[in-house]
Amino acid sequence: MKRRLLIAWLAAPLASIAFAQSIAPPTVLQISRESIKEGKGAAHRKVEQEYAGVMRKNNVPFHYLSLSAESGPNEVWFMDAFTSFANMEESDKLDSQVRNELEPVEARDGELRTNSHSMTAVYRPDLSYLAANAVSLGKTRYFMISTHRLRLGHEEDFTAGAKMIVSGLRKAMSDGSLISYQVIAGAPVGTYLFLEPMGSLKDLDSEPARDKAMADAIGSDNFRRLTKGEGDVFESIQSTLFAVSPSMSYVTKETEEEDPAFWRPEPAPAKSKAKPVTSTK
């Protein structure tokens, strides 16, 4: 099964799946990336709706979140969260009936992809900042995900710099969360992901002000040294904007209830057929 679980996704309480300062994000995160063929986006969404429908019909206890890339390659990411690697293994055990129903859907899905790729990552609480007023998953509409790849031998420099930034965000009492994961499989050694959940794209309008507040908090000289040393520490840095796709996601009812109109939109009314014209002659 290509995607499974989204329980405990920064949950508080667990069932509500909400971002919160007092609750740690999931220990293990698995990301399935699907590259979609040109012109096949709509067909892919329909197949993924079928996939979610099978899960919903069988009341499968494992949930997932779908993110569609708004920038960069034409990709869809499926986010699966686990409390441990043992929990990840446990999620692979599905009822045979569900597996049989999913197999033909998976086959049709494969015809719409150019390739797929998965990564497994572990949460780094020491490199993360969770805002006190963070947005809940039910209200999250976008994610900015930054992929950082380190140069070999610069792990210590990176960790020190990341901790300094987290300290600055904390001192500035930033209203934006920064959630860090270290990729341990499926990407080059030294790959880190930073996730920023957003309730609206309007959050990006205030990003410069948040960055300035963070830089002021850590000190202009320290911030200047951090930015100047990026070329030595990083092999590459790439940021991708994603939109949450409710139609391709399978989340809990509690999450859906936070905004039913978003997660369970009313289907478009069927078009009425035109009545034939009857001749009066």
C-alpha atoms as a PDB file:
ATOM      1  CA  MET A   1       0.000   0.000   0.000  1.00  0.00           C
ATOM      2  CA  LYS A   2       1.517   3.297  -1.088  1.00  0.00           C
ATOM      3  CA  ARG A   3       0.130   5.484   1.709  1.00  0.00           C
ATOM      4  CA  ARG A   4      -1.347   4.703   5.052  1.00  0.00           C
ATOM      5  CA  LEU A   5      -1.522   6.742   8.210  1.00  0.00           C
ATOM      6  CA  LEU A   6      -2.102  10.335   9.281  1.00  0.00           C
ATOM      7  CA  ILE A   7      -2.950   9.892  12.942  1.00  0.00           C
ATOM      8  CA  ALA A   8      -1.068  11.937  15.530  1.00  0.00           C
ATOM      9  CA  TRP A   9      -0.241  14.554  12.890  1.00  0.00           C
ATOM     10  CA  LEU A  10       0.728  17.205  15.416  1.00  0.00           C
ATOM     11  CA  ALA A  11      -2.418  16.215  17.322  1.00  0.00           C
ATOM     12  CA  ALA A  12      -4.089  17.918  20.291  1.00  0.00           C
ATOM     13  CA  PRO A  13      -6.195  16.100  21.154  1.00  0.00           C
ATOM     14  CA  LEU A  14      -5.158  13.061  19.131  1.00  0.00           C
ATOM     15  CA  ALA A  15      -8.448  12.675  17.277  1.00  0.00           C
ATOM     16  CA  SER A  16      -8.603  16.283  16.126  1.00  0.00           C
ATOM     17  CA  ILE A  17      -5.246  16.138  14.279  1.00  0.00           C
ATOM     18  CA  ALA A  18      -4.324  19.721  15.109  1.00  0.00           C
ATOM     19  CA  PHE A  19      -1.039  21.572  15.139  1.00  0.00           C
ATOM     20  CA  ALA A  20      -0.190  22.486  18.718  1.00  0.00           C
ATOM     21  CA  GLN A  21       2.767  23.652  20.721  1.00  0.00           C
ATOM     22  CA  SER A  22       2.330  21.149  23.556  1.00  0.00           C
ATOM     23  CA  ILE A  23       2.144  18.032  21.366  1.00  0.00           C
ATOM     24  CA  ALA A  24       5.118  16.754  19.403  1.00  0.00           C
ATOM     25  CA  PRO A  25       4.759  16.018  15.663  1.00  0.00           C
ATOM     26  CA  PRO A  26       4.901  12.339  14.640  1.00  0.00           C
ATOM     27  CA  THR A  27       8.202  10.595  15.229  1.00  0.00           C
ATOM     28  CA  VAL A  28       8.353   9.054  11.749  1.00  0.00           C
ATOM     29  CA  LEU A  29       7.119  10.624   8.525  1.00  0.00           C
ATOM     30  CA  GLN A  30       6.868   8.816   5.201  1.00  0.00           C
ATOM     31  CA  ILE A  31       6.324  10.838   2.045  1.00  0.00           C
ATOM     32  CA  SER A  32       5.189   9.256  -1.215  1.00  0.00           C
ATOM     33  CA  ARG A  33       5.886  11.510  -4.205  1.00  0.00           C
ATOM     34  CA  GLU A  34       4.032  10.930  -7.474  1.00  0.00           C
ATOM     35  CA  SER A  35       5.028  12.698 -10.700  1.00  0.00           C
ATOM     36  CA  ILE A  36       1.927  13.120 -12.860  1.00  0.00           C
ATOM     37  CA  LYS A  37       1.900  12.942 -16.660  1.00  0.00           C
ATOM     38  CA  GLU A  38       1.182  16.180 -18.493  1.00  0.00           C
ATOM     39  CA  GLY A  39      -2.539  16.637 -19.093  1.00  0.00           C
ATOM     40  CA  LYS A  40      -3.466  13.802 -16.704  1.00  0.00           C
ATOM     41  CA  GLY A  41      -4.027  15.859 -13.547  1.00  0.00           C
ATOM     42  CA  ALA A  42      -7.829  15.618 -13.631  1.00  0.00           C
ATOM     43  CA  ALA A  43      -7.761  11.884 -14.373  1.00  0.00           C
ATOM     44  CA  HIS A  44      -5.291  11.363 -11.552  1.00  0.00           C
ATOM     45  CA  ARG A  45      -7.539  13.211  -9.094  1.00  0.00           C
ATOM     46  CA  LYS A  46     -10.490  11.001 -10.045  1.00  0.00           C
ATOM     47  CA  VAL A  47      -8.489   7.832  -9.465  1.00  0.00           C
ATOM     48  CA  GLU A  48      -7.248   9.140  -6.120  1.00  0.00           C
ATOM     49  CA  GLN A  49     -10.846   9.907  -5.157  1.00  0.00           C
ATOM     50  CA  GLU A  50     -11.639   6.257  -5.844  1.00  0.00           C
ATOM     51  CA  TYR A  51      -8.710   5.245  -3.666  1.00  0.00           C
ATOM     52  CA  ALA A  52      -9.945   7.399  -0.780  1.00  0.00           C
ATOM     53  CA  GLY A  53     -13.484   6.101  -1.370  1.00  0.00           C
ATOM     54  CA  VAL A  54     -12.360   2.512  -0.841  1.00  0.00           C
ATOM     55  CA  MET A  55     -10.646   3.514   2.395  1.00  0.00           C
ATOM     56  CA  ARG A  56     -13.720   5.425   3.576  1.00  0.00           C
ATOM     57  CA  LYS A  57     -16.189   2.677   2.651  1.00  0.00           C
ATOM     58  CA  ASN A  58     -14.215   0.098   4.635  1.00  0.00           C
ATOM     59  CA  ASN A  59     -13.614   2.473   7.581  1.00  0.00           C
ATOM     60  CA  VAL A  60      -9.864   1.872   7.373  1.00  0.00           C
ATOM     61  CA  PRO A  61      -8.300   3.337  10.570  1.00  0.00           C
ATOM     62  CA  PHE A  62      -5.233   4.686   8.746  1.00  0.00           C
ATOM     63  CA  HIS A  63      -5.426   8.162   7.209  1.00  0.00           C
ATOM     64  CA  TYR A  64      -3.326  10.316   4.885  1.00  0.00           C
ATOM     65  CA  LEU A  65      -3.028  13.866   3.594  1.00  0.00           C
ATOM     66  CA  SER A  66      -2.531  14.778  -0.065  1.00  0.00           C
ATOM     67  CA  LEU A  67      -0.552  17.841  -1.188  1.00  0.00           C
ATOM     68  CA  SER A  68      -0.505  19.137  -4.779  1.00  0.00           C
ATOM     69  CA  ALA A  69       2.553  21.095  -5.896  1.00  0.00           C
ATOM     70  CA  GLU A  70       1.793  24.713  -6.786  1.00  0.00           C
ATOM     71  CA  SER A  71       5.389  25.286  -7.924  1.00  0.00           C
ATOM     72  CA  GLY A  72       8.159  23.140  -9.332  1.00  0.00           C
ATOM     73  CA  PRO A  73       7.525  19.730 -10.961  1.00  0.00           C
ATOM     74  CA  ASN A  74       3.957  18.464 -11.424  1.00  0.00           C
ATOM     75  CA  GLU A  75       3.874  16.300  -8.300  1.00  0.00           C
ATOM     76  CA  VAL A  76       1.486  15.127  -5.602  1.00  0.00           C
ATOM     77  CA  TRP A  77       2.881  14.246  -2.181  1.00  0.00           C
ATOM     78  CA  PHE A  78       1.090  11.903   0.219  1.00  0.00           C
ATOM     79  CA  MET A  79       2.009  12.420   3.873  1.00  0.00           C
ATOM     80  CA  ASP A  80       1.942   9.404   6.209  1.00  0.00           C
ATOM     81  CA  ALA A  81       2.739   9.873   9.906  1.00  0.00           C
ATOM     82  CA  PHE A  82       3.729   7.265  12.485  1.00  0.00           C
ATOM     83  CA  THR A  83       4.391   7.212  16.206  1.00  0.00           C
ATOM     84  CA  SER A  84       7.280   4.754  15.695  1.00  0.00           C
ATOM     85  CA  PHE A  85       8.802   2.401  13.149  1.00  0.00           C
ATOM     86  CA  ALA A  86       6.881  -0.428  14.817  1.00  0.00           C
ATOM     87  CA  ASN A  87       3.689   1.543  14.186  1.00  0.00           C
ATOM     88  CA  MET A  88       4.767   1.991  10.567  1.00  0.00           C
ATOM     89  CA  GLU A  89       5.175  -1.776  10.174  1.00  0.00           C
ATOM     90  CA  GLU A  90       1.808  -2.406  11.815  1.00  0.00           C
ATOM     91  CA  SER A  91       0.045  -0.170   9.302  1.00  0.00           C
ATOM     92  CA  ASP A  92       1.077  -2.496   6.466  1.00  0.00           C
ATOM     93  CA  LYS A  93      -1.344  -5.137   7.704  1.00  0.00           C
ATOM     94  CA  LEU A  94      -4.592  -4.491   5.869  1.00  0.00           C
ATOM     95  CA  ASP A  95      -7.673  -6.617   5.461  1.00  0.00           C
ATOM     96  CA  SER A  96      -7.387  -8.752   2.300  1.00  0.00           C
ATOM     97  CA  GLN A  97     -10.738  -7.435   1.053  1.00  0.00           C
ATOM     98  CA  VAL A  98      -9.452  -3.862   1.170  1.00  0.00           C
ATOM     99  CA  ARG A  99      -6.252  -4.867  -0.618  1.00  0.00           C
ATOM    100  CA  ASN A 100      -8.238  -6.587  -3.361  1.00  0.00           C
ATOM    101  CA  GLU A 101     -10.337  -3.453  -3.893  1.00  0.00           C
ATOM    102  CA  LEU A 102      -7.290  -1.183  -3.965  1.00  0.00           C
ATOM    103  CA  GLU A 103      -5.218  -3.209  -6.452  1.00  0.00           C
ATOM    104  CA  PRO A 104      -7.146  -2.252  -9.622  1.00  0.00           C
ATOM    105  CA  VAL A 105      -7.284   1.387  -8.491  1.00  0.00           C
ATOM    106  CA  GLU A 106      -3.528   1.329  -7.918  1.00  0.00           C
ATOM    107  CA  ALA A 107      -3.003  -0.124 -11.392  1.00  0.00           C
ATOM    108  CA  ARG A 108      -4.989   2.701 -13.036  1.00  0.00           C
ATOM    109  CA  ASP A 109      -3.126   5.229 -10.924  1.00  0.00           C
ATOM    110  CA  GLY A 110       0.188   3.864 -12.174  1.00  0.00           C
ATOM    111  CA  GLU A 111      -0.812   4.573 -15.777  1.00  0.00           C
ATOM    112  CA  LEU A 112      -1.112   8.285 -14.955  1.00  0.00           C
ATOM    113  CA  ARG A 113       2.323   8.690 -13.342  1.00  0.00           C
ATOM    114  CA  THR A 114       5.715   9.114 -14.927  1.00  0.00           C
ATOM    115  CA  ASN A 115       7.341   7.826 -11.727  1.00  0.00           C
ATOM    116  CA  SER A 116       6.966   7.703  -7.969  1.00  0.00           C
ATOM    117  CA  HIS A 117       9.401   8.023  -5.091  1.00  0.00           C
ATOM    118  CA  SER A 118       9.211   7.678  -1.321  1.00  0.00           C
ATOM    119  CA  MET A 119      11.243   9.077   1.570  1.00  0.00           C
ATOM    120  CA  THR A 120      11.327   8.153   5.243  1.00  0.00           C
ATOM    121  CA  ALA A 121      12.206  10.851   7.762  1.00  0.00           C
ATOM    122  CA  VAL A 122      12.414  11.290  11.529  1.00  0.00           C
ATOM    123  CA  TYR A 123      11.284  14.319  13.511  1.00  0.00           C
ATOM    124  CA  ARG A 124      13.973  16.673  14.835  1.00  0.00           C
ATOM    125  CA  PRO A 125      12.400  18.534  17.788  1.00  0.00           C
ATOM    126  CA  ASP A 126      15.663  20.359  18.486  1.00  0.00           C
ATOM    127  CA  LEU A 127      15.480  21.975  15.039  1.00  0.00           C
ATOM    128  CA  SER A 128      11.735  22.749  15.113  1.00  0.00           C
ATOM    129  CA  TYR A 129       9.537  25.579  16.332  1.00  0.00           C
ATOM    130  CA  LEU A 130       5.809  25.156  16.981  1.00  0.00           C
ATOM    131  CA  ALA A 131       3.898  28.415  17.285  1.00  0.00           C
ATOM    132  CA  ALA A 132       1.494  28.788  20.214  1.00  0.00           C
ATOM    133  CA  ASN A 133      -1.359  29.778  17.885  1.00  0.00           C
ATOM    134  CA  ALA A 134      -0.499  27.291  15.148  1.00  0.00           C
ATOM    135  CA  VAL A 135      -3.125  26.432  12.549  1.00  0.00           C
ATOM    136  CA  SER A 136      -4.954  23.112  12.938  1.00  0.00           C
ATOM    137  CA  LEU A 137      -4.788  20.502  10.192  1.00  0.00           C
ATOM    138  CA  GLY A 138      -8.477  20.966   9.421  1.00  0.00           C
ATOM    139  CA  LYS A 139      -7.796  24.652   8.702  1.00  0.00           C
ATOM    140  CA  THR A 140      -4.454  24.200   6.921  1.00  0.00           C
ATOM    141  CA  ARG A 141      -4.691  24.988   3.216  1.00  0.00           C
ATOM    142  CA  TYR A 142      -1.041  25.239   2.133  1.00  0.00           C
ATOM    143  CA  PHE A 143       2.424  24.003   3.058  1.00  0.00           C
ATOM    144  CA  MET A 144       5.768  25.502   2.145  1.00  0.00           C
ATOM    145  CA  ILE A 145       8.274  22.641   2.219  1.00  0.00           C
ATOM    146  CA  SER A 146      11.989  23.429   1.977  1.00  0.00           C
ATOM    147  CA  THR A 147      14.457  20.673   1.136  1.00  0.00           C
ATOM    148  CA  HIS A 148      17.989  21.304   2.427  1.00  0.00           C
ATOM    149  CA  ARG A 149      20.891  19.102   1.325  1.00  0.00           C
ATOM    150  CA  LEU A 150      24.092  19.458   3.307  1.00  0.00           C
ATOM    151  CA  ARG A 151      27.642  19.204   2.103  1.00  0.00           C
ATOM    152  CA  LEU A 152      29.440  16.276   3.664  1.00  0.00           C
ATOM    153  CA  GLY A 153      31.168  17.183   6.897  1.00  0.00           C
ATOM    154  CA  HIS A 154      28.948  20.191   7.710  1.00  0.00           C
ATOM    155  CA  GLU A 155      26.372  18.535   9.973  1.00  0.00           C
ATOM    156  CA  GLU A 156      27.628  20.375  13.047  1.00  0.00           C
ATOM    157  CA  ASP A 157      27.558  23.775  11.291  1.00  0.00           C
ATOM    158  CA  PHE A 158      24.025  23.143  10.069  1.00  0.00           C
ATOM    159  CA  THR A 159      22.738  22.036  13.462  1.00  0.00           C
ATOM    160  CA  ALA A 160      24.221  25.070  15.194  1.00  0.00           C
ATOM    161  CA  GLY A 161      22.709  27.437  12.625  1.00  0.00           C
ATOM    162  CA  ALA A 162      19.285  25.781  12.683  1.00  0.00           C
ATOM    163  CA  LYS A 163      19.170  25.944  16.469  1.00  0.00           C
ATOM    164  CA  MET A 164      20.040  29.631  16.326  1.00  0.00           C
ATOM    165  CA  ILE A 165      17.137  30.274  13.933  1.00  0.00           C
ATOM    166  CA  VAL A 166      14.737  28.298  16.149  1.00  0.00           C
ATOM    167  CA  SER A 167      15.918  30.346  19.127  1.00  0.00           C
ATOM    168  CA  GLY A 168      15.236  33.541  17.178  1.00  0.00           C
ATOM    169  CA  LEU A 169      11.729  32.396  16.245  1.00  0.00           C
ATOM    170  CA  ARG A 170      11.042  31.577  19.872  1.00  0.00           C
ATOM    171  CA  LYS A 171      12.337  34.931  21.120  1.00  0.00           C
ATOM    172  CA  ALA A 172      10.305  36.780  18.495  1.00  0.00           C
ATOM    173  CA  MET A 173       7.236  34.672  19.413  1.00  0.00           C
ATOM    174  CA  SER A 174       6.652  34.064  15.724  1.00  0.00           C
ATOM    175  CA  ASP A 175       3.154  33.006  14.673  1.00  0.00           C
ATOM    176  CA  GLY A 176       4.547  30.676  11.989  1.00  0.00           C
ATOM    177  CA  SER A 177       5.649  27.105  12.750  1.00  0.00           C
ATOM    178  CA  LEU A 178       8.826  25.512  11.374  1.00  0.00           C
ATOM    179  CA  ILE A 179       8.831  21.708  11.585  1.00  0.00           C
ATOM    180  CA  SER A 180      12.038  19.818  10.840  1.00  0.00           C
ATOM    181  CA  TYR A 181      12.539  16.241   9.627  1.00  0.00           C
ATOM    182  CA  GLN A 182      15.787  14.447   8.843  1.00  0.00           C
ATOM    183  CA  VAL A 183      15.494  12.062   5.884  1.00  0.00           C
ATOM    184  CA  ILE A 184      17.053   8.691   6.695  1.00  0.00           C
ATOM    185  CA  ALA A 185      16.059   6.760   3.554  1.00  0.00           C
ATOM    186  CA  GLY A 186      15.089   7.642  -0.005  1.00  0.00           C
ATOM    187  CA  ALA A 187      17.351  10.721  -0.405  1.00  0.00           C
ATOM    188  CA  PRO A 188      21.061  11.596  -0.181  1.00  0.00           C
ATOM    189  CA  VAL A 189      22.648  11.634   3.269  1.00  0.00           C
ATOM    190  CA  GLY A 190      22.261  15.053   4.843  1.00  0.00           C
ATOM    191  CA  THR A 191      18.761  15.807   3.504  1.00  0.00           C
ATOM    192  CA  TYR A 192      16.409  17.764   5.775  1.00  0.00           C
ATOM    193  CA  LEU A 193      12.829  18.897   5.247  1.00  0.00           C
ATOM    194  CA  PHE A 194      11.329  22.014   6.841  1.00  0.00           C
ATOM    195  CA  LEU A 195       7.532  22.210   6.797  1.00  0.00           C
ATOM    196  CA  GLU A 196       5.608  25.469   7.233  1.00  0.00           C
ATOM    197  CA  PRO A 197       1.803  25.011   7.471  1.00  0.00           C
ATOM    198  CA  MET A 198      -0.387  27.940   6.396  1.00  0.00           C
ATOM    199  CA  GLY A 199      -4.086  28.668   6.686  1.00  0.00           C
ATOM    200  CA  SER A 200      -3.963  30.989   3.674  1.00  0.00           C
ATOM    201  CA  LEU A 201      -1.540  32.306   1.086  1.00  0.00           C
ATOM    202  CA  LYS A 202      -1.954  35.654   2.840  1.00  0.00           C
ATOM    203  CA  ASP A 203       0.501  34.258   5.404  1.00  0.00           C
ATOM    204  CA  LEU A 204       3.248  34.758   2.819  1.00  0.00           C
ATOM    205  CA  ASP A 205       2.558  38.514   2.764  1.00  0.00           C
ATOM    206  CA  SER A 206       3.785  38.779   6.358  1.00  0.00           C
ATOM    207  CA  GLU A 207       6.765  36.463   5.828  1.00  0.00           C
ATOM    208  CA  PRO A 208       9.291  39.334   5.410  1.00  0.00           C
ATOM    209  CA  ALA A 209       8.158  40.846   8.724  1.00  0.00           C
ATOM    210  CA  ARG A 210       8.508  37.484  10.488  1.00  0.00           C
ATOM    211  CA  ASP A 211      11.978  36.986   9.011  1.00  0.00           C
ATOM    212  CA  LYS A 212      13.055  40.443  10.163  1.00  0.00           C
ATOM    213  CA  ALA A 213      11.728  39.826  13.684  1.00  0.00           C
ATOM    214  CA  MET A 214      13.657  36.544  13.811  1.00  0.00           C
ATOM    215  CA  ALA A 215      16.856  38.181  12.514  1.00  0.00           C
ATOM    216  CA  ASP A 216      16.557  40.999  15.068  1.00  0.00           C
ATOM    217  CA  ALA A 217      16.049  38.426  17.825  1.00  0.00           C
ATOM    218  CA  ILE A 218      19.267  36.535  17.063  1.00  0.00           C
ATOM    219  CA  GLY A 219      21.265  39.675  16.289  1.00  0.00           C
ATOM    220  CA  SER A 220      22.224  41.214  12.965  1.00  0.00           C
ATOM    221  CA  ASP A 221      25.842  40.001  13.123  1.00  0.00           C
ATOM    222  CA  ASN A 222      24.826  36.395  13.844  1.00  0.00           C
ATOM    223  CA  PHE A 223      22.223  36.476  11.078  1.00  0.00           C
ATOM    224  CA  ARG A 224      24.741  37.899   8.612  1.00  0.00           C
ATOM    225  CA  ARG A 225      27.202  35.095   9.415  1.00  0.00           C
ATOM    226  CA  LEU A 226      24.476  32.488   8.923  1.00  0.00           C
ATOM    227  CA  THR A 227      23.459  33.746   5.493  1.00  0.00           C
ATOM    228  CA  LYS A 228      27.067  34.248   4.392  1.00  0.00           C
ATOM    229  CA  GLY A 229      27.969  30.662   5.297  1.00  0.00           C
ATOM    230  CA  GLU A 230      25.056  29.020   3.441  1.00  0.00           C
ATOM    231  CA  GLY A 231      27.182  28.279   0.394  1.00  0.00           C
ATOM    232  CA  ASP A 232      29.707  26.376   2.500  1.00  0.00           C
ATOM    233  CA  VAL A 233      27.115  24.358   4.441  1.00  0.00           C
ATOM    234  CA  PHE A 234      24.509  23.492   1.808  1.00  0.00           C
ATOM    235  CA  GLU A 235      24.755  21.581  -1.442  1.00  0.00           C
ATOM    236  CA  SER A 236      21.301  22.888  -2.405  1.00  0.00           C
ATOM    237  CA  ILE A 237      18.144  24.476  -0.985  1.00  0.00           C
ATOM    238  CA  GLN A 238      14.781  24.117  -2.713  1.00  0.00           C
ATOM    239  CA  SER A 239      11.394  25.449  -1.567  1.00  0.00           C
ATOM    240  CA  THR A 240       8.099  24.122  -2.949  1.00  0.00           C
ATOM    241  CA  LEU A 241       4.629  25.491  -2.328  1.00  0.00           C
ATOM    242  CA  PHE A 242       1.881  22.887  -1.894  1.00  0.00           C
ATOM    243  CA  ALA A 243      -1.894  23.148  -1.695  1.00  0.00           C
ATOM    244  CA  VAL A 244      -3.856  20.713   0.462  1.00  0.00           C
ATOM    245  CA  SER A 245      -6.058  18.539  -1.774  1.00  0.00           C
ATOM    246  CA  PRO A 246      -9.190  17.460   0.134  1.00  0.00           C
ATOM    247  CA  SER A 247     -10.497  15.268  -2.699  1.00  0.00           C
ATOM    248  CA  MET A 248      -7.325  13.140  -2.714  1.00  0.00           C
ATOM    249  CA  SER A 249      -6.975  12.983   1.085  1.00  0.00           C
ATOM    250  CA  TYR A 250      -8.436  10.556   3.575  1.00  0.00           C
ATOM    251  CA  VAL A 251      -8.572  12.283   6.958  1.00  0.00           C
ATOM    252  CA  THR A 252     -10.573  11.640  10.114  1.00  0.00           C
ATOM    253  CA  LYS A 253     -14.141  12.818  10.562  1.00  0.00           C
ATOM    254  CA  GLU A 254     -12.940  15.112  13.353  1.00  0.00           C
ATOM    255  CA  THR A 255     -10.645  16.877  10.908  1.00  0.00           C
ATOM    256  CA  GLU A 256     -13.394  17.130   8.305  1.00  0.00           C
ATOM    257  CA  GLU A 257     -15.758  18.650  10.876  1.00  0.00           C
ATOM    258  CA  GLU A 258     -13.395  21.601  11.332  1.00  0.00           C
ATOM    259  CA  ASP A 259     -14.430  22.798   7.870  1.00  0.00           C
ATOM    260  CA  PRO A 260     -16.998  20.495   6.206  1.00  0.00           C
ATOM    261  CA  ALA A 261     -17.383  22.783   3.187  1.00  0.00           C
ATOM    262  CA  PHE A 262     -13.684  22.333   2.371  1.00  0.00           C
ATOM    263  CA  TRP A 263     -13.274  18.643   3.140  1.00  0.00           C
ATOM    264  CA  ARG A 264     -16.731  17.504   1.967  1.00  0.00           C
ATOM    265  CA  PRO A 265     -17.862  19.937  -0.747  1.00  0.00           C
ATOM    266  CA  GLU A 266     -21.322  19.503  -2.197  1.00  0.00           C
ATOM    267  CA  PRO A 267     -21.207  17.817  -5.632  1.00  0.00           C
ATOM    268  CA  ALA A 268     -21.969  20.036  -8.599  1.00  0.00           C
ATOM    269  CA  PRO A 269     -25.626  19.794  -9.653  1.00  0.00           C
ATOM    270  CA  ALA A 270     -26.231  17.558 -12.638  1.00  0.00           C
ATOM    271  CA  LYS A 271     -26.920  19.396 -15.873  1.00  0.00           C
ATOM    272  CA  SER A 272     -30.519  18.976 -17.008  1.00  0.00           C
ATOM    273  CA  LYS A 273     -30.978  17.684 -20.512  1.00  0.00           C
ATOM    274  CA  ALA A 274     -32.504  20.118 -22.961  1.00  0.00           C
ATOM    275  CA  LYS A 275     -36.064  19.232 -23.917  1.00  0.00           C
ATOM    276  CA  PRO A 276     -36.584  18.434 -27.588  1.00  0.00           C
ATOM    277  CA  VAL A 277     -38.318  21.133 -29.596  1.00  0.00           C
ATOM    278  CA  THR A 278     -41.769  20.011 -30.695  1.00  0.00           C
ATOM    279  CA  SER A 279     -43.052  21.343 -33.971  1.00  0.00           C
ATOM    280  CA  THR A 280     -46.416  23.118 -33.878  1.00  0.00           C
ATOM    281  CA  LYS A 281     -46.997  22.634 -37.578  1.00  0.00           C
END
